[in-house]
C-alpha atoms as a PDB file:
ATOM      1  CA  MET A   1       3.758  -0.545 -12.213  1.00  0.00           C
ATOM      2  CA  GLY A   2       2.020  -0.466  -8.866  1.00  0.00           C
ATOM      3  CA  THR A   3      -0.392   1.874  -7.216  1.00  0.00           C
ATOM      4  CA  VAL A   4       0.152   3.768  -3.980  1.00  0.00           C
ATOM      5  CA  THR A   5      -2.886   2.965  -1.839  1.00  0.00           C
ATOM      6  CA  CYS A   6      -1.810   4.796   1.289  1.00  0.00           C
ATOM      7  CA  SER A   7       0.822   7.394   2.219  1.00  0.00           C
ATOM      8  CA  VAL A   8       1.803   8.302   5.773  1.00  0.00           C
ATOM      9  CA  LEU A   9       4.113  11.183   6.717  1.00  0.00           C
ATOM     10  CA  VAL A  10       6.219  10.568   9.825  1.00  0.00           C
ATOM     11  CA  GLY A  11       8.076  13.339  11.609  1.00  0.00           C
ATOM     12  CA  ILE A  12       8.297  15.628  14.593  1.00  0.00           C
ATOM     13  CA  SER A  13       5.868  18.327  15.650  1.00  0.00           C
ATOM     14  CA  HIS A  14       6.478  21.883  14.536  1.00  0.00           C
ATOM     15  CA  GLN A  15       7.293  24.190  17.450  1.00  0.00           C
ATOM     16  CA  ASN A  16       5.093  27.106  16.334  1.00  0.00           C
ATOM     17  CA  TYR A  17       2.236  25.471  14.438  1.00  0.00           C
ATOM     18  CA  SER A  18       0.010  22.423  14.771  1.00  0.00           C
ATOM     19  CA  GLY A  19       1.637  20.644  11.787  1.00  0.00           C
ATOM     20  CA  ILE A  20       4.609  18.326  11.524  1.00  0.00           C
ATOM     21  CA  ILE A  21       8.074  18.493  10.031  1.00  0.00           C
ATOM     22  CA  PRO A  22       8.158  15.304   7.932  1.00  0.00           C
ATOM     23  CA  GLU A  23      11.270  13.129   8.062  1.00  0.00           C
ATOM     24  CA  TYR A  24       9.962   9.937   6.444  1.00  0.00           C
ATOM     25  CA  ILE A  25       7.180   8.894   4.072  1.00  0.00           C
ATOM     26  CA  LEU A  26       5.664   5.437   4.276  1.00  0.00           C
ATOM     27  CA  ASN A  27       3.860   4.233   1.123  1.00  0.00           C
ATOM     28  CA  LEU A  28       1.771   1.114   0.668  1.00  0.00           C
ATOM     29  CA  TRP A  29       2.380  -0.097  -2.905  1.00  0.00           C
ATOM     30  CA  GLU A  30      -0.059  -2.630  -4.303  1.00  0.00           C
ATOM     31  CA  ASN A  31       1.055  -4.623  -7.312  1.00  0.00           C
ATOM     32  CA  ASP A  32       1.536  -8.366  -7.734  1.00  0.00           C
ATOM     33  CA  ARG A  33       2.936  -8.343  -4.209  1.00  0.00           C
ATOM     34  CA  PRO A  34       1.886  -5.542  -1.815  1.00  0.00           C
ATOM     35  CA  ALA A  35       4.750  -3.872   0.063  1.00  0.00           C
ATOM     36  CA  TRP A  36       5.317  -1.014   2.494  1.00  0.00           C
ATOM     37  CA  VAL A  37       8.156   1.264   1.337  1.00  0.00           C
ATOM     38  CA  LEU A  38       9.818   3.665   3.774  1.00  0.00           C
ATOM     39  CA  ARG A  39      11.666   6.652   2.291  1.00  0.00           C
ATOM     40  CA  LYS A  40      13.706   9.202   4.160  1.00  0.00           C
ATOM     41  CA  ILE A  41      12.881  12.755   3.137  1.00  0.00           C
ATOM     42  CA  SER A  42      16.148  14.679   3.018  1.00  0.00           C
ATOM     43  CA  GLN A  43      16.296  18.436   3.502  1.00  0.00           C
ATOM     44  CA  GLU A  44      17.977  18.832   0.094  1.00  0.00           C
ATOM     45  CA  SER A  45      15.157  17.063  -1.776  1.00  0.00           C
ATOM     46  CA  ARG A  46      12.693  19.717  -0.632  1.00  0.00           C
ATOM     47  CA  PHE A  47      14.600  22.300  -2.666  1.00  0.00           C
ATOM     48  CA  GLU A  48      15.953  20.185  -5.548  1.00  0.00           C
ATOM     49  CA  ASP A  49      13.098  18.660  -7.514  1.00  0.00           C
ATOM     50  CA  HIS A  50      15.290  16.461  -9.729  1.00  0.00           C
ATOM     51  CA  LYS A  51      17.301  14.794  -6.953  1.00  0.00           C
ATOM     52  CA  MET A  52      16.485  11.095  -6.557  1.00  0.00           C
ATOM     53  CA  ASN A  53      16.453   9.364  -3.179  1.00  0.00           C
ATOM     54  CA  THR A  54      18.333   6.060  -3.549  1.00  0.00           C
ATOM     55  CA  GLU A  55      17.806   4.926   0.042  1.00  0.00           C
ATOM     56  CA  ASP A  56      14.363   3.361  -0.475  1.00  0.00           C
ATOM     57  CA  SER A  57      13.778   0.235   1.551  1.00  0.00           C
ATOM     58  CA  ALA A  58      10.886  -2.190   1.293  1.00  0.00           C
ATOM     59  CA  ILE A  59       9.221  -3.319   4.509  1.00  0.00           C
ATOM     60  CA  VAL A  60       7.546  -6.694   4.283  1.00  0.00           C
END
């Protein structure tokens, strides 16, 4: 198992507040071989806790 050293939320600005509406999360995993992993945050996963995102992609 690896450890997430850094997480970055990527998205668009919210029209009424100073926050963002996240669309992606970028994690830096450190294990035997460090890797950046980009995951798309789907609208459905915000409401369904048990839904798995199978579209993970490693960025090297």
